[in-house]
Amino acid sequence: MKKSKIALWSLLHSLGVLIYISAVAYIMNHGNQWFGKEDKFLTPVAALMLFVLSAAVTGSLVLAKPILLYLDGQKSDAIKFFLWTLGGLLILTLFAFLGLLLLR
């Protein structure tokens, strides 16, 4: 796999994580309006199910492609893909914290 393709696809995976996290944050911000403020038996069930789903989705976006590349014998590309993805997540995280600082 070309280095530019690795960088592009890994950054797209990082953006996929950002989009998914943004959707979950939107749901969490509006949960009281949609589902009511009263805790019910299903509240912790739904929260834990969302936690498990989030781990699976973000885990697959971060790890699936590097694992497939590694199993295909492209060990160097797998490590590069993983590191590019982590770098993209780091940059997006820094932007999120910078946004929090600027909006306070």
PDB file of N, CA and C in Angstrom:
ATOM      1  N   MET A   1       0.842  -1.174   0.000  1.00  0.00           N
ATOM      2  CA  MET A   1       0.000   0.000   0.000  1.00  0.00           C
ATOM      3  C   MET A   1       0.889   1.239   0.000  1.00  0.00           C
ATOM      4  N   LYS A   2       0.571   2.217  -0.831  1.00  0.00           N
ATOM      5  CA  LYS A   2       1.357   3.447  -0.893  1.00  0.00           C
ATOM      6  C   LYS A   2       1.217   4.245   0.400  1.00  0.00           C
ATOM      7  N   LYS A   3       2.283   4.970   0.731  1.00  0.00           N
ATOM      8  CA  LYS A   3       2.279   5.764   1.958  1.00  0.00           C
ATOM      9  C   LYS A   3       1.159   6.803   1.948  1.00  0.00           C
ATOM     10  N   SER A   4       0.923   7.448   0.796  1.00  0.00           N
ATOM     11  CA  SER A   4      -0.130   8.463   0.727  1.00  0.00           C
ATOM     12  C   SER A   4      -1.515   7.840   0.923  1.00  0.00           C
ATOM     13  N   LYS A   5      -1.710   6.609   0.412  1.00  0.00           N
ATOM     14  CA  LYS A   5      -2.994   5.927   0.617  1.00  0.00           C
ATOM     15  C   LYS A   5      -3.181   5.547   2.079  1.00  0.00           C
ATOM     16  N   ILE A   6      -2.099   5.111   2.705  1.00  0.00           N
ATOM     17  CA  ILE A   6      -2.172   4.764   4.127  1.00  0.00           C
ATOM     18  C   ILE A   6      -2.564   5.991   4.939  1.00  0.00           C
ATOM     19  N   ALA A   7      -1.894   7.106   4.684  1.00  0.00           N
ATOM     20  CA  ALA A   7      -2.181   8.338   5.427  1.00  0.00           C
ATOM     21  C   ALA A   7      -3.623   8.783   5.194  1.00  0.00           C
ATOM     22  N   LEU A   8      -4.066   8.778   3.955  1.00  0.00           N
ATOM     23  CA  LEU A   8      -5.425   9.229   3.642  1.00  0.00           C
ATOM     24  C   LEU A   8      -6.474   8.346   4.297  1.00  0.00           C
ATOM     25  N   TRP A   9      -6.357   7.031   4.125  1.00  0.00           N
ATOM     26  CA  TRP A   9      -7.359   6.119   4.689  1.00  0.00           C
ATOM     27  C   TRP A   9      -7.351   6.121   6.209  1.00  0.00           C
ATOM     28  N   SER A  10      -6.189   6.223   6.808  1.00  0.00           N
ATOM     29  CA  SER A  10      -6.139   6.240   8.269  1.00  0.00           C
ATOM     30  C   SER A  10      -6.738   7.535   8.817  1.00  0.00           C
ATOM     31  N   LEU A  11      -6.515   8.636   8.134  1.00  0.00           N
ATOM     32  CA  LEU A  11      -7.131   9.890   8.564  1.00  0.00           C
ATOM     33  C   LEU A  11      -8.644   9.858   8.367  1.00  0.00           C
ATOM     34  N   LEU A  12      -9.105   9.183   7.322  1.00  0.00           N
ATOM     35  CA  LEU A  12     -10.554   9.002   7.136  1.00  0.00           C
ATOM     36  C   LEU A  12     -11.146   8.144   8.253  1.00  0.00           C
ATOM     37  N   HIS A  13     -10.408   7.139   8.686  1.00  0.00           N
ATOM     38  CA  HIS A  13     -10.864   6.329   9.815  1.00  0.00           C
ATOM     39  C   HIS A  13     -10.943   7.181  11.075  1.00  0.00           C
ATOM     40  N   SER A  14      -9.967   8.068  11.268  1.00  0.00           N
ATOM     41  CA  SER A  14      -9.993   8.979  12.422  1.00  0.00           C
ATOM     42  C   SER A  14     -11.212   9.893  12.357  1.00  0.00           C
ATOM     43  N   LEU A  15     -11.513  10.398  11.165  1.00  0.00           N
ATOM     44  CA  LEU A  15     -12.701  11.236  11.009  1.00  0.00           C
ATOM     45  C   LEU A  15     -13.974  10.429  11.263  1.00  0.00           C
ATOM     46  N   GLY A  16     -13.969   9.149  10.880  1.00  0.00           N
ATOM     47  CA  GLY A  16     -15.110   8.283  11.168  1.00  0.00           C
ATOM     48  C   GLY A  16     -15.340   8.156  12.666  1.00  0.00           C
ATOM     49  N   VAL A  17     -14.259   8.033  13.421  1.00  0.00           N
ATOM     50  CA  VAL A  17     -14.370   7.982  14.885  1.00  0.00           C
ATOM     51  C   VAL A  17     -14.948   9.293  15.399  1.00  0.00           C
ATOM     52  N   LEU A  18     -14.459  10.425  14.879  1.00  0.00           N
ATOM     53  CA  LEU A  18     -14.972  11.735  15.302  1.00  0.00           C
ATOM     54  C   LEU A  18     -16.461  11.861  15.006  1.00  0.00           C
ATOM     55  N   ILE A  19     -16.885  11.438  13.837  1.00  0.00           N
ATOM     56  CA  ILE A  19     -18.306  11.523  13.474  1.00  0.00           C
ATOM     57  C   ILE A  19     -19.143  10.647  14.390  1.00  0.00           C
ATOM     58  N   TYR A  20     -18.675   9.428  14.649  1.00  0.00           N
ATOM     59  CA  TYR A  20     -19.424   8.530  15.536  1.00  0.00           C
ATOM     60  C   TYR A  20     -19.507   9.113  16.946  1.00  0.00           C
ATOM     61  N   ILE A  21     -18.395   9.604  17.471  1.00  0.00           N
ATOM     62  CA  ILE A  21     -18.386  10.189  18.816  1.00  0.00           C
ATOM     63  C   ILE A  21     -19.294  11.412  18.875  1.00  0.00           C
ATOM     64  N   SER A  22     -19.296  12.211  17.817  1.00  0.00           N
ATOM     65  CA  SER A  22     -20.179  13.380  17.771  1.00  0.00           C
ATOM     66  C   SER A  22     -21.642  12.965  17.814  1.00  0.00           C
ATOM     67  N   ALA A  23     -21.985  11.892  17.115  1.00  0.00           N
ATOM     68  CA  ALA A  23     -23.365  11.392  17.125  1.00  0.00           C
ATOM     69  C   ALA A  23     -23.749  10.900  18.523  1.00  0.00           C
ATOM     70  N   VAL A  24     -22.851  10.179  19.181  1.00  0.00           N
ATOM     71  CA  VAL A  24     -23.125   9.699  20.537  1.00  0.00           C
ATOM     72  C   VAL A  24     -23.248  10.880  21.498  1.00  0.00           C
ATOM     73  N   ALA A  25     -22.385  11.874  21.370  1.00  0.00           N
ATOM     74  CA  ALA A  25     -22.454  13.059  22.227  1.00  0.00           C
ATOM     75  C   ALA A  25     -23.774  13.802  22.009  1.00  0.00           C
ATOM     76  N   TYR A  26     -24.231  13.865  20.771  1.00  0.00           N
ATOM     77  CA  TYR A  26     -25.518  14.513  20.471  1.00  0.00           C
ATOM     78  C   TYR A  26     -26.661  13.773  21.163  1.00  0.00           C
ATOM     79  N   ILE A  27     -26.635  12.461  21.083  1.00  0.00           N
ATOM     80  CA  ILE A  27     -27.666  11.652  21.746  1.00  0.00           C
ATOM     81  C   ILE A  27     -27.614  11.868  23.255  1.00  0.00           C
ATOM     82  N   MET A  28     -26.420  11.894  23.818  1.00  0.00           N
ATOM     83  CA  MET A  28     -26.284  12.075  25.264  1.00  0.00           C
ATOM     84  C   MET A  28     -26.728  13.473  25.707  1.00  0.00           C
ATOM     85  N   ASN A  29     -26.478  14.478  24.898  1.00  0.00           N
ATOM     86  CA  ASN A  29     -26.899  15.838  25.235  1.00  0.00           C
ATOM     87  C   ASN A  29     -28.409  16.008  25.194  1.00  0.00           C
ATOM     88  N   HIS A  30     -29.080  15.253  24.343  1.00  0.00           N
ATOM     89  CA  HIS A  30     -30.526  15.394  24.185  1.00  0.00           C
ATOM     90  C   HIS A  30     -31.316  14.261  24.827  1.00  0.00           C
ATOM     91  N   GLY A  31     -30.637  13.389  25.551  1.00  0.00           N
ATOM     92  CA  GLY A  31     -31.287  12.233  26.151  1.00  0.00           C
ATOM     93  C   GLY A  31     -32.428  12.586  27.084  1.00  0.00           C
ATOM     94  N   ASN A  32     -32.233  13.603  27.936  1.00  0.00           N
ATOM     95  CA  ASN A  32     -33.298  14.003  28.862  1.00  0.00           C
ATOM     96  C   ASN A  32     -34.537  14.495  28.136  1.00  0.00           C
ATOM     97  N   GLN A  33     -34.350  15.223  27.047  1.00  0.00           N
ATOM     98  CA  GLN A  33     -35.484  15.728  26.276  1.00  0.00           C
ATOM     99  C   GLN A  33     -36.233  14.588  25.585  1.00  0.00           C
ATOM    100  N   TRP A  34     -35.502  13.628  25.061  1.00  0.00           N
ATOM    101  CA  TRP A  34     -36.118  12.554  24.292  1.00  0.00           C
ATOM    102  C   TRP A  34     -36.704  11.455  25.165  1.00  0.00           C
ATOM    103  N   PHE A  35     -35.991  11.098  26.244  1.00  0.00           N
ATOM    104  CA  PHE A  35     -36.373   9.932  27.032  1.00  0.00           C
ATOM    105  C   PHE A  35     -36.891  10.270  28.424  1.00  0.00           C
ATOM    106  N   GLY A  36     -36.851  11.540  28.801  1.00  0.00           N
ATOM    107  CA  GLY A  36     -37.305  11.954  30.127  1.00  0.00           C
ATOM    108  C   GLY A  36     -36.173  11.928  31.138  1.00  0.00           C
ATOM    109  N   LYS A  37     -36.384  12.629  32.248  1.00  0.00           N
ATOM    110  CA  LYS A  37     -35.335  12.744  33.260  1.00  0.00           C
ATOM    111  C   LYS A  37     -35.367  11.595  34.258  1.00  0.00           C
ATOM    112  N   GLU A  38     -36.489  10.922  34.355  1.00  0.00           N
ATOM    113  CA  GLU A  38     -36.631   9.844  35.333  1.00  0.00           C
ATOM    114  C   GLU A  38     -35.834   8.612  34.902  1.00  0.00           C
ATOM    115  N   ASP A  39     -35.006   8.119  35.822  1.00  0.00           N
ATOM    116  CA  ASP A  39     -34.268   6.888  35.532  1.00  0.00           C
ATOM    117  C   ASP A  39     -35.204   5.697  35.605  1.00  0.00           C
ATOM    118  N   LYS A  40     -35.086   4.841  34.633  1.00  0.00           N
ATOM    119  CA  LYS A  40     -35.866   3.618  34.576  1.00  0.00           C
ATOM    120  C   LYS A  40     -34.900   2.444  34.563  1.00  0.00           C
ATOM    121  N   PHE A  41     -35.424   1.239  34.643  1.00  0.00           N
ATOM    122  CA  PHE A  41     -34.571   0.056  34.583  1.00  0.00           C
ATOM    123  C   PHE A  41     -33.757   0.027  33.303  1.00  0.00           C
ATOM    124  N   LEU A  42     -34.346   0.469  32.193  1.00  0.00           N
ATOM    125  CA  LEU A  42     -33.663   0.393  30.902  1.00  0.00           C
ATOM    126  C   LEU A  42     -32.581   1.455  30.721  1.00  0.00           C
ATOM    127  N   THR A  43     -32.548   2.465  31.582  1.00  0.00           N
ATOM    128  CA  THR A  43     -31.543   3.525  31.439  1.00  0.00           C
ATOM    129  C   THR A  43     -30.116   2.979  31.523  1.00  0.00           C
ATOM    130  N   PRO A  44     -29.755   2.242  32.576  1.00  0.00           N
ATOM    131  CA  PRO A  44     -28.391   1.706  32.600  1.00  0.00           C
ATOM    132  C   PRO A  44     -28.162   0.637  31.529  1.00  0.00           C
ATOM    133  N   VAL A  45     -29.217  -0.103  31.171  1.00  0.00           N
ATOM    134  CA  VAL A  45     -29.077  -1.103  30.110  1.00  0.00           C
ATOM    135  C   VAL A  45     -28.725  -0.409  28.798  1.00  0.00           C
ATOM    136  N   ALA A  46     -29.463   0.646  28.476  1.00  0.00           N
ATOM    137  CA  ALA A  46     -29.204   1.387  27.238  1.00  0.00           C
ATOM    138  C   ALA A  46     -27.807   2.016  27.266  1.00  0.00           C
ATOM    139  N   ALA A  47     -27.420   2.567  28.416  1.00  0.00           N
ATOM    140  CA  ALA A  47     -26.100   3.199  28.529  1.00  0.00           C
ATOM    141  C   ALA A  47     -24.985   2.170  28.344  1.00  0.00           C
ATOM    142  N   LEU A  48     -25.124   1.021  28.949  1.00  0.00           N
ATOM    143  CA  LEU A  48     -24.095  -0.012  28.805  1.00  0.00           C
ATOM    144  C   LEU A  48     -24.072  -0.588  27.394  1.00  0.00           C
ATOM    145  N   MET A  49     -25.235  -0.741  26.782  1.00  0.00           N
ATOM    146  CA  MET A  49     -25.279  -1.215  25.392  1.00  0.00           C
ATOM    147  C   MET A  49     -24.597  -0.207  24.472  1.00  0.00           C
ATOM    148  N   LEU A  50     -24.840   1.079  24.707  1.00  0.00           N
ATOM    149  CA  LEU A  50     -24.184   2.116  23.916  1.00  0.00           C
ATOM    150  C   LEU A  50     -22.673   2.080  24.132  1.00  0.00           C
ATOM    151  N   PHE A  51     -22.249   1.832  25.355  1.00  0.00           N
ATOM    152  CA  PHE A  51     -20.816   1.738  25.664  1.00  0.00           C
ATOM    153  C   PHE A  51     -20.171   0.587  24.888  1.00  0.00           C
ATOM    154  N   VAL A  52     -20.818  -0.576  24.905  1.00  0.00           N
ATOM    155  CA  VAL A  52     -20.280  -1.742  24.207  1.00  0.00           C
ATOM    156  C   VAL A  52     -20.275  -1.500  22.696  1.00  0.00           C
ATOM    157  N   LEU A  53     -21.367  -0.943  22.165  1.00  0.00           N
ATOM    158  CA  LEU A  53     -21.433  -0.630  20.739  1.00  0.00           C
ATOM    159  C   LEU A  53     -20.335   0.365  20.358  1.00  0.00           C
ATOM    160  N   SER A  54     -20.131   1.369  21.188  1.00  0.00           N
ATOM    161  CA  SER A  54     -19.104   2.373  20.909  1.00  0.00           C
ATOM    162  C   SER A  54     -17.714   1.758  20.897  1.00  0.00           C
ATOM    163  N   ALA A  55     -17.457   0.862  21.836  1.00  0.00           N
ATOM    164  CA  ALA A  55     -16.154   0.186  21.859  1.00  0.00           C
ATOM    165  C   ALA A  55     -15.952  -0.628  20.582  1.00  0.00           C
ATOM    166  N   ALA A  56     -17.011  -1.293  20.126  1.00  0.00           N
ATOM    167  CA  ALA A  56     -16.904  -2.110  18.916  1.00  0.00           C
ATOM    168  C   ALA A  56     -16.699  -1.244  17.671  1.00  0.00           C
ATOM    169  N   VAL A  57     -17.470  -0.175  17.564  1.00  0.00           N
ATOM    170  CA  VAL A  57     -17.380   0.685  16.378  1.00  0.00           C
ATOM    171  C   VAL A  57     -16.023   1.387  16.316  1.00  0.00           C
ATOM    172  N   THR A  58     -15.644   2.033  17.410  1.00  0.00           N
ATOM    173  CA  THR A  58     -14.367   2.753  17.383  1.00  0.00           C
ATOM    174  C   THR A  58     -13.189   1.780  17.311  1.00  0.00           C
ATOM    175  N   GLY A  59     -13.310   0.637  17.974  1.00  0.00           N
ATOM    176  CA  GLY A  59     -12.257  -0.369  17.888  1.00  0.00           C
ATOM    177  C   GLY A  59     -12.065  -0.868  16.474  1.00  0.00           C
ATOM    178  N   SER A  60     -13.169  -1.083  15.777  1.00  0.00           N
ATOM    179  CA  SER A  60     -13.037  -1.555  14.394  1.00  0.00           C
ATOM    180  C   SER A  60     -12.485  -0.468  13.480  1.00  0.00           C
ATOM    181  N   LEU A  61     -12.862   0.783  13.713  1.00  0.00           N
ATOM    182  CA  LEU A  61     -12.323   1.860  12.892  1.00  0.00           C
ATOM    183  C   LEU A  61     -10.826   2.061  13.120  1.00  0.00           C
ATOM    184  N   VAL A  62     -10.362   1.814  14.331  1.00  0.00           N
ATOM    185  CA  VAL A  62      -8.951   2.019  14.642  1.00  0.00           C
ATOM    186  C   VAL A  62      -8.113   0.774  14.345  1.00  0.00           C
ATOM    187  N   LEU A  63      -8.658  -0.409  14.615  1.00  0.00           N
ATOM    188  CA  LEU A  63      -7.838  -1.623  14.577  1.00  0.00           C
ATOM    189  C   LEU A  63      -8.096  -2.586  13.420  1.00  0.00           C
ATOM    190  N   ALA A  64      -9.279  -2.570  12.822  1.00  0.00           N
ATOM    191  CA  ALA A  64      -9.619  -3.606  11.837  1.00  0.00           C
ATOM    192  C   ALA A  64      -8.667  -3.610  10.637  1.00  0.00           C
ATOM    193  N   LYS A  65      -8.476  -2.467  10.020  1.00  0.00           N
ATOM    194  CA  LYS A  65      -7.613  -2.412   8.840  1.00  0.00           C
ATOM    195  C   LYS A  65      -6.157  -2.769   9.162  1.00  0.00           C
ATOM    196  N   PRO A  66      -5.579  -2.230  10.248  1.00  0.00           N
ATOM    197  CA  PRO A  66      -4.213  -2.651  10.571  1.00  0.00           C
ATOM    198  C   PRO A  66      -4.094  -4.163  10.823  1.00  0.00           C
ATOM    199  N   ILE A  67      -5.087  -4.746  11.477  1.00  0.00           N
ATOM    200  CA  ILE A  67      -5.040  -6.191  11.712  1.00  0.00           C
ATOM    201  C   ILE A  67      -5.108  -6.949  10.395  1.00  0.00           C
ATOM    202  N   LEU A  68      -5.998  -6.515   9.494  1.00  0.00           N
ATOM    203  CA  LEU A  68      -6.097  -7.184   8.193  1.00  0.00           C
ATOM    204  C   LEU A  68      -4.801  -7.051   7.399  1.00  0.00           C
ATOM    205  N   LEU A  69      -4.201  -5.871   7.432  1.00  0.00           N
ATOM    206  CA  LEU A  69      -2.916  -5.683   6.745  1.00  0.00           C
ATOM    207  C   LEU A  69      -1.842  -6.579   7.361  1.00  0.00           C
ATOM    208  N   TYR A  70      -1.818  -6.649   8.675  1.00  0.00           N
ATOM    209  CA  TYR A  70      -0.826  -7.473   9.369  1.00  0.00           C
ATOM    210  C   TYR A  70      -0.994  -8.944   8.998  1.00  0.00           C
ATOM    211  N   LEU A  71      -2.244  -9.418   8.992  1.00  0.00           N
ATOM    212  CA  LEU A  71      -2.497 -10.817   8.657  1.00  0.00           C
ATOM    213  C   LEU A  71      -2.209 -11.117   7.192  1.00  0.00           C
ATOM    214  N   ASP A  72      -2.256 -10.066   6.363  1.00  0.00           N
ATOM    215  CA  ASP A  72      -1.926 -10.209   4.945  1.00  0.00           C
ATOM    216  C   ASP A  72      -0.415 -10.202   4.693  1.00  0.00           C
ATOM    217  N   GLY A  73       0.356 -10.041   5.760  1.00  0.00           N
ATOM    218  CA  GLY A  73       1.807 -10.032   5.618  1.00  0.00           C
ATOM    219  C   GLY A  73       2.390  -8.645   5.409  1.00  0.00           C
ATOM    220  N   GLN A  74       1.556  -7.622   5.451  1.00  0.00           N
ATOM    221  CA  GLN A  74       2.015  -6.246   5.249  1.00  0.00           C
ATOM    222  C   GLN A  74       2.232  -5.592   6.616  1.00  0.00           C
ATOM    223  N   LYS A  75       3.174  -6.126   7.369  1.00  0.00           N
ATOM    224  CA  LYS A  75       3.385  -5.704   8.747  1.00  0.00           C
ATOM    225  C   LYS A  75       3.781  -4.233   8.856  1.00  0.00           C
ATOM    226  N   SER A  76       4.637  -3.790   7.995  1.00  0.00           N
ATOM    227  CA  SER A  76       5.082  -2.396   8.020  1.00  0.00           C
ATOM    228  C   SER A  76       3.908  -1.448   7.740  1.00  0.00           C
ATOM    229  N   ASP A  77       3.101  -1.797   6.727  1.00  0.00           N
ATOM    230  CA  ASP A  77       1.933  -0.974   6.404  1.00  0.00           C
ATOM    231  C   ASP A  77       0.920  -0.980   7.544  1.00  0.00           C
ATOM    232  N   ALA A  78       0.778  -2.115   8.213  1.00  0.00           N
ATOM    233  CA  ALA A  78      -0.161  -2.210   9.330  1.00  0.00           C
ATOM    234  C   ALA A  78       0.235  -1.264  10.453  1.00  0.00           C
ATOM    235  N   ILE A  79       1.523  -1.243  10.766  1.00  0.00           N
ATOM    236  CA  ILE A  79       2.002  -0.367  11.837  1.00  0.00           C
ATOM    237  C   ILE A  79       1.853   1.095  11.428  1.00  0.00           C
ATOM    238  N   LYS A  80       2.188   1.411  10.177  1.00  0.00           N
ATOM    239  CA  LYS A  80       2.039   2.786   9.685  1.00  0.00           C
ATOM    240  C   LYS A  80       0.583   3.223   9.735  1.00  0.00           C
ATOM    241  N   PHE A  81      -0.323   2.352   9.293  1.00  0.00           N
ATOM    242  CA  PHE A  81      -1.750   2.675   9.286  1.00  0.00           C
ATOM    243  C   PHE A  81      -2.227   2.970  10.711  1.00  0.00           C
ATOM    244  N   PHE A  82      -1.841   2.097  11.628  1.00  0.00           N
ATOM    245  CA  PHE A  82      -2.242   2.275  13.029  1.00  0.00           C
ATOM    246  C   PHE A  82      -1.698   3.581  13.599  1.00  0.00           C
ATOM    247  N   LEU A  83      -0.428   3.872  13.349  1.00  0.00           N
ATOM    248  CA  LEU A  83       0.177   5.094  13.881  1.00  0.00           C
ATOM    249  C   LEU A  83      -0.418   6.347  13.245  1.00  0.00           C
ATOM    250  N   TRP A  84      -0.699   6.295  11.941  1.00  0.00           N
ATOM    251  CA  TRP A  84      -1.358   7.428  11.291  1.00  0.00           C
ATOM    252  C   TRP A  84      -2.752   7.655  11.882  1.00  0.00           C
ATOM    253  N   THR A  85      -3.458   6.569  12.151  1.00  0.00           N
ATOM    254  CA  THR A  85      -4.793   6.691  12.748  1.00  0.00           C
ATOM    255  C   THR A  85      -4.699   7.314  14.137  1.00  0.00           C
ATOM    256  N   LEU A  86      -3.752   6.835  14.949  1.00  0.00           N
ATOM    257  CA  LEU A  86      -3.567   7.424  16.278  1.00  0.00           C
ATOM    258  C   LEU A  86      -3.171   8.896  16.186  1.00  0.00           C
ATOM    259  N   GLY A  87      -2.323   9.220  15.230  1.00  0.00           N
ATOM    260  CA  GLY A  87      -1.940  10.621  15.032  1.00  0.00           C
ATOM    261  C   GLY A  87      -3.131  11.481  14.662  1.00  0.00           C
ATOM    262  N   GLY A  88      -3.970  10.977  13.778  1.00  0.00           N
ATOM    263  CA  GLY A  88      -5.189  11.702  13.409  1.00  0.00           C
ATOM    264  C   GLY A  88      -6.104  11.901  14.600  1.00  0.00           C
ATOM    265  N   LEU A  89      -6.252  10.862  15.416  1.00  0.00           N
ATOM    266  CA  LEU A  89      -7.079  10.985  16.622  1.00  0.00           C
ATOM    267  C   LEU A  89      -6.483  11.993  17.606  1.00  0.00           C
ATOM    268  N   LEU A  90      -5.156  12.000  17.720  1.00  0.00           N
ATOM    269  CA  LEU A  90      -4.491  12.966  18.598  1.00  0.00           C
ATOM    270  C   LEU A  90      -4.767  14.393  18.132  1.00  0.00           C
ATOM    271  N   ILE A  91      -4.626  14.637  16.849  1.00  0.00           N
ATOM    272  CA  ILE A  91      -4.870  15.980  16.308  1.00  0.00           C
ATOM    273  C   ILE A  91      -6.321  16.393  16.518  1.00  0.00           C
ATOM    274  N   LEU A  92      -7.260  15.492  16.237  1.00  0.00           N
ATOM    275  CA  LEU A  92      -8.679  15.814  16.436  1.00  0.00           C
ATOM    276  C   LEU A  92      -8.998  16.054  17.908  1.00  0.00           C
ATOM    277  N   THR A  93      -8.353  15.298  18.797  1.00  0.00           N
ATOM    278  CA  THR A  93      -8.547  15.502  20.238  1.00  0.00           C
ATOM    279  C   THR A  93      -8.010  16.862  20.666  1.00  0.00           C
ATOM    280  N   LEU A  94      -6.846  17.223  20.153  1.00  0.00           N
ATOM    281  CA  LEU A  94      -6.289  18.542  20.479  1.00  0.00           C
ATOM    282  C   LEU A  94      -7.186  19.661  19.982  1.00  0.00           C
ATOM    283  N   PHE A  95      -7.765  19.497  18.786  1.00  0.00           N
ATOM    284  CA  PHE A  95      -8.712  20.494  18.274  1.00  0.00           C
ATOM    285  C   PHE A  95      -9.943  20.590  19.157  1.00  0.00           C
ATOM    286  N   ALA A  96     -10.424  19.454  19.664  1.00  0.00           N
ATOM    287  CA  ALA A  96     -11.595  19.465  20.546  1.00  0.00           C
ATOM    288  C   ALA A  96     -11.289  20.245  21.833  1.00  0.00           C
ATOM    289  N   PHE A  97     -10.110  19.991  22.425  1.00  0.00           N
ATOM    290  CA  PHE A  97      -9.747  20.722  23.630  1.00  0.00           C
ATOM    291  C   PHE A  97      -9.482  22.198  23.346  1.00  0.00           C
ATOM    292  N   LEU A  98      -8.911  22.497  22.202  1.00  0.00           N
ATOM    293  CA  LEU A  98      -8.715  23.896  21.815  1.00  0.00           C
ATOM    294  C   LEU A  98     -10.063  24.581  21.660  1.00  0.00           C
ATOM    295  N   GLY A  99     -11.026  23.888  21.049  1.00  0.00           N
ATOM    296  CA  GLY A  99     -12.377  24.434  20.926  1.00  0.00           C
ATOM    297  C   GLY A  99     -12.994  24.705  22.280  1.00  0.00           C
ATOM    298  N   LEU A 100     -12.795  23.782  23.245  1.00  0.00           N
ATOM    299  CA  LEU A 100     -13.306  24.013  24.596  1.00  0.00           C
ATOM    300  C   LEU A 100     -12.678  25.237  25.237  1.00  0.00           C
ATOM    301  N   LEU A 101     -11.379  25.421  25.033  1.00  0.00           N
ATOM    302  CA  LEU A 101     -10.712  26.601  25.595  1.00  0.00           C
ATOM    303  C   LEU A 101     -11.238  27.899  24.980  1.00  0.00           C
ATOM    304  N   LEU A 102     -11.457  27.862  23.667  1.00  0.00           N
ATOM    305  CA  LEU A 102     -11.906  29.081  22.988  1.00  0.00           C
ATOM    306  C   LEU A 102     -13.372  29.412  23.274  1.00  0.00           C
ATOM    307  N   LEU A 103     -14.175  28.403  23.611  1.00  0.00           N
ATOM    308  CA  LEU A 103     -15.602  28.627  23.830  1.00  0.00           C
ATOM    309  C   LEU A 103     -15.963  28.877  25.296  1.00  0.00           C
ATOM    310  N   ARG A 104     -15.001  28.899  26.174  1.00  0.00           N
ATOM    311  CA  ARG A 104     -15.356  29.092  27.597  1.00  0.00           C
ATOM    312  C   ARG A 104     -15.605  30.511  27.946  1.00  0.00           C
TER     313      ARG A 104
END
